[in-house]
Structures are given as C-alpha cells and as structure tokens.
N, C-alpha and C. Protein backbone atom coordinates (compact mmCIF):
# COMPACT_ATOMS: atom_id res chain seq x y z
N MET A 1 -15.98 32.04 29.08
CA MET A 1 -15.67 30.71 29.56
C MET A 1 -15.54 30.71 31.08
N SER A 2 -15.02 31.79 31.67
CA SER A 2 -14.88 31.85 33.12
C SER A 2 -16.23 31.81 33.82
N ASP A 3 -17.27 32.31 33.14
CA ASP A 3 -18.60 32.25 33.75
C ASP A 3 -19.01 30.80 33.97
N LEU A 4 -18.75 29.94 32.99
CA LEU A 4 -19.07 28.53 33.12
C LEU A 4 -18.23 27.90 34.22
N TYR A 5 -16.99 28.29 34.34
CA TYR A 5 -16.11 27.79 35.40
C TYR A 5 -16.72 28.10 36.76
N ASP A 6 -17.29 29.28 36.91
CA ASP A 6 -17.87 29.70 38.19
C ASP A 6 -19.24 29.09 38.45
N THR A 7 -19.96 28.74 37.39
CA THR A 7 -21.33 28.25 37.58
C THR A 7 -21.49 26.75 37.45
N ASP A 8 -20.67 26.09 36.63
CA ASP A 8 -20.79 24.64 36.44
C ASP A 8 -19.41 24.06 36.10
N ILE A 9 -18.61 23.85 37.15
CA ILE A 9 -17.22 23.41 36.93
C ILE A 9 -17.15 22.04 36.27
N LEU A 10 -18.14 21.20 36.50
CA LEU A 10 -18.13 19.88 35.85
C LEU A 10 -18.24 20.04 34.34
N LEU A 11 -19.21 20.81 33.88
CA LEU A 11 -19.37 21.04 32.44
C LEU A 11 -18.14 21.75 31.88
N TRP A 12 -17.65 22.75 32.62
CA TRP A 12 -16.44 23.48 32.19
C TRP A 12 -15.29 22.50 32.00
N SER A 13 -15.07 21.61 32.99
CA SER A 13 -13.93 20.69 32.92
C SER A 13 -14.08 19.72 31.75
N GLU A 14 -15.29 19.25 31.49
CA GLU A 14 -15.51 18.35 30.36
C GLU A 14 -15.23 19.05 29.03
N GLN A 15 -15.70 20.28 28.91
CA GLN A 15 -15.47 21.03 27.67
C GLN A 15 -13.99 21.33 27.48
N GLN A 16 -13.32 21.76 28.53
CA GLN A 16 -11.90 22.10 28.44
C GLN A 16 -11.07 20.86 28.13
N ALA A 17 -11.39 19.74 28.76
CA ALA A 17 -10.67 18.49 28.49
C ALA A 17 -10.84 18.08 27.03
N GLY A 18 -12.06 18.21 26.52
CA GLY A 18 -12.31 17.88 25.12
C GLY A 18 -11.50 18.76 24.18
N LEU A 19 -11.46 20.04 24.46
CA LEU A 19 -10.68 20.95 23.63
C LEU A 19 -9.18 20.62 23.70
N LEU A 20 -8.69 20.34 24.88
CA LEU A 20 -7.27 20.00 25.03
C LEU A 20 -6.93 18.69 24.33
N ARG A 21 -7.81 17.71 24.42
CA ARG A 21 -7.57 16.44 23.72
C ARG A 21 -7.52 16.64 22.21
N ARG A 22 -8.45 17.44 21.70
CA ARG A 22 -8.46 17.71 20.26
C ARG A 22 -7.17 18.41 19.86
N ARG A 23 -6.76 19.36 20.64
CA ARG A 23 -5.52 20.09 20.34
C ARG A 23 -4.32 19.17 20.40
N ALA A 24 -4.29 18.25 21.37
CA ALA A 24 -3.18 17.30 21.49
C ALA A 24 -3.11 16.37 20.28
N LEU A 25 -4.24 16.11 19.65
CA LEU A 25 -4.27 15.26 18.46
C LEU A 25 -3.93 16.04 17.19
N GLY A 26 -3.66 17.33 17.36
CA GLY A 26 -3.31 18.15 16.22
C GLY A 26 -4.50 18.75 15.51
N MET A 27 -5.67 18.59 16.06
CA MET A 27 -6.86 19.16 15.45
C MET A 27 -6.92 20.66 15.78
N LEU A 28 -7.44 21.42 14.88
CA LEU A 28 -7.57 22.85 15.10
C LEU A 28 -8.63 23.12 16.16
N THR A 29 -8.27 24.02 17.04
CA THR A 29 -9.23 24.49 18.04
C THR A 29 -9.13 26.00 18.10
N ASN A 30 -10.17 26.59 18.56
CA ASN A 30 -10.18 28.03 18.75
C ASN A 30 -9.58 28.29 20.13
N ASP A 31 -8.38 28.83 20.14
CA ASP A 31 -7.69 29.05 21.42
C ASP A 31 -8.46 29.95 22.37
N THR A 32 -9.33 30.77 21.87
CA THR A 32 -10.10 31.63 22.77
C THR A 32 -11.11 30.81 23.57
N GLU A 33 -11.40 29.60 23.12
CA GLU A 33 -12.30 28.73 23.89
C GLU A 33 -11.59 28.08 25.07
N LEU A 34 -10.26 28.05 25.01
CA LEU A 34 -9.50 27.47 26.10
C LEU A 34 -9.32 28.51 27.21
N ASP A 35 -9.72 28.14 28.39
CA ASP A 35 -9.69 29.01 29.56
C ASP A 35 -8.36 28.80 30.29
N TRP A 36 -7.27 29.31 29.67
CA TRP A 36 -5.92 29.02 30.13
C TRP A 36 -5.68 29.35 31.59
N THR A 37 -6.18 30.46 32.06
CA THR A 37 -5.94 30.86 33.46
C THR A 37 -6.50 29.83 34.42
N ASN A 38 -7.75 29.44 34.20
CA ASN A 38 -8.36 28.47 35.10
C ASN A 38 -7.82 27.05 34.88
N ILE A 39 -7.43 26.74 33.65
CA ILE A 39 -6.81 25.43 33.40
C ILE A 39 -5.52 25.33 34.22
N ALA A 40 -4.69 26.35 34.17
CA ALA A 40 -3.44 26.34 34.93
C ALA A 40 -3.71 26.22 36.43
N GLU A 41 -4.70 26.95 36.92
CA GLU A 41 -5.04 26.89 38.34
C GLU A 41 -5.52 25.50 38.74
N GLU A 42 -6.32 24.90 37.90
CA GLU A 42 -6.82 23.55 38.20
C GLU A 42 -5.71 22.51 38.17
N ILE A 43 -4.80 22.64 37.24
CA ILE A 43 -3.67 21.70 37.20
C ILE A 43 -2.84 21.83 38.47
N GLU A 44 -2.59 23.05 38.88
CA GLU A 44 -1.82 23.27 40.10
C GLU A 44 -2.56 22.73 41.32
N SER A 45 -3.86 22.86 41.35
CA SER A 45 -4.63 22.39 42.50
C SER A 45 -4.64 20.88 42.62
N VAL A 46 -4.45 20.17 41.52
CA VAL A 46 -4.39 18.71 41.57
C VAL A 46 -3.26 18.27 42.50
N GLY A 47 -2.10 18.86 42.33
CA GLY A 47 -0.96 18.52 43.19
C GLY A 47 -1.21 18.91 44.64
N SER A 48 -1.78 20.08 44.85
CA SER A 48 -2.07 20.52 46.21
C SER A 48 -3.05 19.59 46.90
N GLU A 49 -4.07 19.17 46.18
CA GLU A 49 -5.06 18.25 46.76
C GLU A 49 -4.45 16.91 47.10
N GLN A 50 -3.54 16.44 46.28
CA GLN A 50 -2.87 15.17 46.58
C GLN A 50 -2.02 15.31 47.84
N ARG A 51 -1.31 16.43 47.97
CA ARG A 51 -0.50 16.66 49.17
C ARG A 51 -1.40 16.77 50.40
N HIS A 52 -2.50 17.49 50.28
CA HIS A 52 -3.43 17.62 51.41
C HIS A 52 -3.99 16.26 51.82
N ALA A 53 -4.26 15.40 50.85
CA ALA A 53 -4.77 14.06 51.16
C ALA A 53 -3.73 13.27 51.95
N VAL A 54 -2.47 13.33 51.54
CA VAL A 54 -1.41 12.62 52.26
C VAL A 54 -1.26 13.21 53.66
N GLU A 55 -1.28 14.52 53.77
CA GLU A 55 -1.17 15.15 55.09
C GLU A 55 -2.30 14.71 56.01
N SER A 56 -3.50 14.65 55.50
CA SER A 56 -4.64 14.21 56.30
C SER A 56 -4.46 12.77 56.77
N LEU A 57 -3.99 11.91 55.90
CA LEU A 57 -3.76 10.52 56.28
C LEU A 57 -2.65 10.41 57.33
N LEU A 58 -1.62 11.23 57.20
CA LEU A 58 -0.54 11.23 58.18
C LEU A 58 -1.02 11.71 59.54
N ILE A 59 -1.85 12.74 59.55
CA ILE A 59 -2.42 13.23 60.82
C ILE A 59 -3.24 12.13 61.48
N GLN A 60 -4.04 11.43 60.69
CA GLN A 60 -4.85 10.35 61.25
C GLN A 60 -3.97 9.23 61.81
N ALA A 61 -2.90 8.90 61.10
CA ALA A 61 -1.99 7.86 61.59
C ALA A 61 -1.35 8.31 62.91
N LEU A 62 -0.88 9.54 62.95
CA LEU A 62 -0.28 10.07 64.17
C LEU A 62 -1.28 10.11 65.31
N ARG A 63 -2.48 10.51 65.02
CA ARG A 63 -3.54 10.61 66.04
C ARG A 63 -3.81 9.24 66.67
N HIS A 64 -3.93 8.23 65.85
CA HIS A 64 -4.20 6.90 66.38
C HIS A 64 -3.01 6.36 67.16
N TRP A 65 -1.80 6.65 66.69
CA TRP A 65 -0.61 6.24 67.41
C TRP A 65 -0.55 6.93 68.77
N LEU A 66 -0.86 8.24 68.80
CA LEU A 66 -0.85 8.99 70.05
C LEU A 66 -1.89 8.46 71.04
N LYS A 67 -3.03 8.04 70.53
CA LYS A 67 -4.06 7.48 71.41
C LYS A 67 -3.55 6.20 72.09
N THR A 68 -2.78 5.39 71.36
CA THR A 68 -2.24 4.18 71.98
C THR A 68 -1.23 4.52 73.08
N LEU A 69 -0.53 5.64 72.93
CA LEU A 69 0.40 6.08 73.97
C LEU A 69 -0.33 6.68 75.15
N ALA A 70 -1.36 7.46 74.88
CA ALA A 70 -2.07 8.20 75.91
C ALA A 70 -3.03 7.32 76.72
N TRP A 71 -3.56 6.30 76.08
CA TRP A 71 -4.52 5.40 76.74
C TRP A 71 -4.12 3.94 76.46
N PRO A 72 -2.96 3.52 76.95
CA PRO A 72 -2.44 2.19 76.59
C PRO A 72 -3.27 1.02 77.12
N HIS A 73 -4.12 1.26 78.10
CA HIS A 73 -4.91 0.17 78.69
C HIS A 73 -6.34 0.14 78.16
N SER A 74 -6.64 0.99 77.21
CA SER A 74 -7.98 1.01 76.63
C SER A 74 -8.22 -0.25 75.80
N GLY A 75 -9.44 -0.70 75.81
CA GLY A 75 -9.82 -1.83 74.97
C GLY A 75 -9.79 -1.49 73.49
N GLU A 76 -9.67 -0.20 73.18
CA GLU A 76 -9.63 0.25 71.79
C GLU A 76 -8.24 0.20 71.16
N VAL A 77 -7.22 -0.10 71.94
CA VAL A 77 -5.85 -0.08 71.43
C VAL A 77 -5.68 -0.92 70.17
N PRO A 78 -6.16 -2.18 70.12
CA PRO A 78 -5.99 -2.94 68.88
C PRO A 78 -6.65 -2.26 67.67
N HIS A 79 -7.80 -1.65 67.89
CA HIS A 79 -8.46 -0.92 66.80
C HIS A 79 -7.62 0.27 66.36
N TRP A 80 -7.09 1.03 67.32
CA TRP A 80 -6.27 2.20 66.98
C TRP A 80 -5.02 1.78 66.24
N GLN A 81 -4.42 0.67 66.65
CA GLN A 81 -3.22 0.18 65.98
C GLN A 81 -3.54 -0.23 64.53
N ALA A 82 -4.67 -0.87 64.34
CA ALA A 82 -5.08 -1.26 62.98
C ALA A 82 -5.34 -0.03 62.13
N GLU A 83 -5.98 0.97 62.70
CA GLU A 83 -6.26 2.22 61.98
C GLU A 83 -4.96 2.93 61.63
N GLU A 84 -4.03 2.97 62.57
CA GLU A 84 -2.73 3.61 62.30
C GLU A 84 -2.05 2.93 61.11
N ARG A 85 -2.03 1.60 61.11
CA ARG A 85 -1.41 0.87 60.01
C ARG A 85 -2.10 1.17 58.69
N LEU A 86 -3.43 1.23 58.71
CA LEU A 86 -4.17 1.52 57.48
C LEU A 86 -3.85 2.92 56.97
N PHE A 87 -3.90 3.93 57.84
CA PHE A 87 -3.63 5.30 57.42
C PHE A 87 -2.19 5.46 56.92
N ARG A 88 -1.24 4.79 57.57
CA ARG A 88 0.15 4.84 57.11
C ARG A 88 0.27 4.21 55.73
N SER A 89 -0.39 3.09 55.53
CA SER A 89 -0.34 2.40 54.24
C SER A 89 -0.95 3.26 53.13
N LEU A 90 -2.09 3.87 53.42
CA LEU A 90 -2.73 4.73 52.42
C LEU A 90 -1.88 5.94 52.11
N ALA A 91 -1.25 6.53 53.13
CA ALA A 91 -0.37 7.68 52.92
C ALA A 91 0.84 7.27 52.09
N ARG A 92 1.41 6.12 52.41
CA ARG A 92 2.59 5.62 51.68
C ARG A 92 2.25 5.42 50.20
N ARG A 93 1.06 4.92 49.93
CA ARG A 93 0.65 4.65 48.56
C ARG A 93 0.49 5.95 47.75
N ARG A 94 0.07 7.03 48.41
CA ARG A 94 -0.18 8.29 47.69
C ARG A 94 0.99 9.25 47.72
N PHE A 95 1.94 9.00 48.61
CA PHE A 95 3.09 9.89 48.76
C PHE A 95 4.01 9.81 47.54
N VAL A 96 4.48 10.98 47.11
CA VAL A 96 5.48 11.06 46.05
C VAL A 96 6.63 11.93 46.58
N PRO A 97 7.86 11.67 46.12
CA PRO A 97 9.03 12.35 46.69
C PRO A 97 8.96 13.88 46.70
N SER A 98 8.33 14.47 45.71
CA SER A 98 8.29 15.95 45.68
C SER A 98 7.47 16.53 46.82
N MET A 99 6.67 15.72 47.50
CA MET A 99 5.88 16.21 48.64
C MET A 99 6.77 16.47 49.85
N ARG A 100 7.87 15.75 49.94
CA ARG A 100 8.72 15.80 51.13
C ARG A 100 9.07 17.24 51.54
N GLN A 101 9.48 18.06 50.58
CA GLN A 101 9.90 19.43 50.92
C GLN A 101 8.71 20.35 51.20
N ARG A 102 7.50 19.90 50.90
CA ARG A 102 6.33 20.74 51.09
C ARG A 102 5.50 20.37 52.32
N ILE A 103 5.81 19.23 52.93
CA ILE A 103 5.05 18.78 54.11
C ILE A 103 5.74 19.29 55.36
N ASP A 104 5.00 20.04 56.15
CA ASP A 104 5.49 20.53 57.44
C ASP A 104 5.11 19.48 58.49
N PHE A 105 6.01 18.53 58.70
CA PHE A 105 5.71 17.39 59.56
C PHE A 105 5.47 17.81 61.00
N ASP A 106 6.21 18.80 61.49
CA ASP A 106 5.99 19.29 62.86
C ASP A 106 4.57 19.85 63.01
N ARG A 107 4.09 20.55 62.00
CA ARG A 107 2.72 21.09 62.05
C ARG A 107 1.71 19.94 62.07
N LEU A 108 1.95 18.91 61.28
CA LEU A 108 1.04 17.76 61.27
C LEU A 108 0.98 17.12 62.65
N TYR A 109 2.14 16.99 63.28
CA TYR A 109 2.18 16.39 64.62
C TYR A 109 1.40 17.26 65.62
N ARG A 110 1.60 18.58 65.55
CA ARG A 110 0.86 19.48 66.44
C ARG A 110 -0.65 19.35 66.20
N ASP A 111 -1.05 19.23 64.94
CA ASP A 111 -2.48 19.05 64.63
C ASP A 111 -3.00 17.75 65.22
N ALA A 112 -2.21 16.70 65.13
CA ALA A 112 -2.62 15.41 65.71
C ALA A 112 -2.74 15.52 67.23
N LEU A 113 -1.79 16.21 67.85
CA LEU A 113 -1.86 16.41 69.31
C LEU A 113 -3.13 17.17 69.70
N ARG A 114 -3.42 18.24 68.97
CA ARG A 114 -4.60 19.05 69.27
C ARG A 114 -5.90 18.28 69.08
N SER A 115 -5.86 17.26 68.23
CA SER A 115 -7.09 16.53 67.94
C SER A 115 -7.41 15.44 68.96
N LEU A 116 -6.49 15.20 69.89
CA LEU A 116 -6.75 14.17 70.90
C LEU A 116 -7.88 14.59 71.82
N PRO A 117 -8.71 13.65 72.20
CA PRO A 117 -9.80 13.99 73.14
C PRO A 117 -9.23 14.25 74.53
N ASP A 118 -10.02 14.92 75.35
CA ASP A 118 -9.59 15.19 76.73
C ASP A 118 -9.62 13.93 77.59
N THR A 119 -10.57 13.07 77.30
CA THR A 119 -10.69 11.81 78.03
C THR A 119 -11.17 10.72 77.09
N ILE A 120 -10.89 9.49 77.44
CA ILE A 120 -11.47 8.33 76.77
C ILE A 120 -11.89 7.38 77.88
N ASP A 121 -13.13 6.95 77.82
CA ASP A 121 -13.69 6.08 78.87
C ASP A 121 -13.53 6.73 80.25
N GLY A 122 -13.65 8.05 80.31
CA GLY A 122 -13.54 8.77 81.57
C GLY A 122 -12.12 8.94 82.08
N GLN A 123 -11.13 8.49 81.32
CA GLN A 123 -9.74 8.56 81.75
C GLN A 123 -9.01 9.68 81.01
N PRO A 124 -8.26 10.50 81.75
CA PRO A 124 -7.44 11.51 81.08
C PRO A 124 -6.25 10.81 80.41
N PRO A 125 -5.62 11.46 79.47
CA PRO A 125 -4.49 10.83 78.78
C PRO A 125 -3.24 10.79 79.65
N LEU A 126 -2.42 9.78 79.40
CA LEU A 126 -1.07 9.79 79.96
C LEU A 126 -0.26 10.80 79.14
N PRO A 127 0.85 11.29 79.67
CA PRO A 127 1.66 12.24 78.90
C PRO A 127 2.15 11.62 77.59
N VAL A 128 2.14 12.42 76.55
CA VAL A 128 2.67 12.02 75.25
C VAL A 128 3.76 13.01 74.87
N PRO A 129 4.67 12.62 73.98
CA PRO A 129 5.76 13.54 73.60
C PRO A 129 5.23 14.84 73.01
N VAL A 130 5.80 15.94 73.45
CA VAL A 130 5.44 17.25 72.91
C VAL A 130 6.02 17.41 71.51
N ASP A 131 7.22 16.91 71.31
CA ASP A 131 7.87 16.93 70.00
C ASP A 131 7.76 15.54 69.39
N CYS A 132 7.56 15.51 68.12
CA CYS A 132 7.34 14.25 67.43
C CYS A 132 8.61 13.38 67.47
N PRO A 133 8.51 12.17 68.04
CA PRO A 133 9.67 11.29 68.11
C PRO A 133 9.85 10.42 66.86
N VAL A 134 8.99 10.57 65.88
CA VAL A 134 9.08 9.80 64.65
C VAL A 134 9.29 10.77 63.48
N THR A 135 9.96 10.30 62.46
CA THR A 135 10.19 11.14 61.27
C THR A 135 9.14 10.83 60.22
N LEU A 136 9.09 11.66 59.21
CA LEU A 136 8.21 11.39 58.09
C LEU A 136 8.58 10.05 57.45
N ASP A 137 9.87 9.80 57.27
CA ASP A 137 10.31 8.52 56.70
C ASP A 137 9.91 7.36 57.58
N GLY A 138 10.02 7.54 58.90
CA GLY A 138 9.61 6.48 59.81
C GLY A 138 8.14 6.17 59.73
N LEU A 139 7.33 7.20 59.60
CA LEU A 139 5.89 7.00 59.51
C LEU A 139 5.50 6.36 58.18
N LEU A 140 6.24 6.68 57.14
CA LEU A 140 5.94 6.13 55.83
C LEU A 140 6.57 4.76 55.59
N ALA A 141 7.44 4.33 56.52
CA ALA A 141 8.13 3.06 56.35
C ALA A 141 7.12 1.91 56.34
N ASP A 142 7.45 0.91 55.54
CA ASP A 142 6.61 -0.29 55.45
C ASP A 142 7.04 -1.24 56.54
N ASP A 143 6.23 -1.35 57.57
CA ASP A 143 6.58 -2.23 58.70
C ASP A 143 6.42 -3.68 58.35
C-alpha cells in the first residue's frame, strides 16, 4: 500500500477513505489494506497545512501594513490597505484557537520585514518598527 502512496497519492487517498468509511459503517475490512502509518501522517499534516495557510496570510497582512508605513505617500497605499484587510479577514476565518500556541508571531513579523522591497517607485522605505508593535490578537481583530 505504501508503494501506491508514493506513486499516486490521489488514488491512495481515495482507496483509504473508502476503506475507512466502510469500517466506520461497521462493514468488515481487511486491516492490512489500511495504510495506518501514512493515514496518521496525512491526518497530522492537515492541521499543519491549515496553520501554514494562516501564517502565510498573516505574513501577507503584515507585509502590506509595513508597506503603508514605509511608503506612506505612495499611490498604492489604498491598495495595500485593502489587501491588508483582506488577508486579515481570510486569516481570521481560518484561525482556530489551538494555533495560537504554535504560531511564532515574532518570526512571522521578521519574515514580513525581510520581504519588503528595497525601493518602491524609486524611493527607499521610511523606518519601520524592528519589533512588531501589533499582537496576534490585534491582527486577527475584526476592525
């Protein structure tokens, strides 16, 4: 079964889901057909992927917010503000409380800082805070 997992994960997942559904209904299944090791790994990865998605959205929100601070006179500011609101909203929608202890917010802020361009419209950035002045709760707050 692991060979199929390595060669065609879509087919593997369909087969494993079918076997699990049958078992959940009380139907007999051959337990050797269930790829328990990879099933457990895939279940665990679902949560990790959801957390990574929220982290990515938070980085994008921080990045757009930082651009408004670094280039406050740019004609792009309204666009950046709209993007920040969108990314915050999407992150808020996907965030679940158990993520709080697993998100390294300081690291996300550093990633957002590193992602800023050197110039926009030929202008260097104004100074931005080195340490994040907003909290995770603040960023997730519904304005």
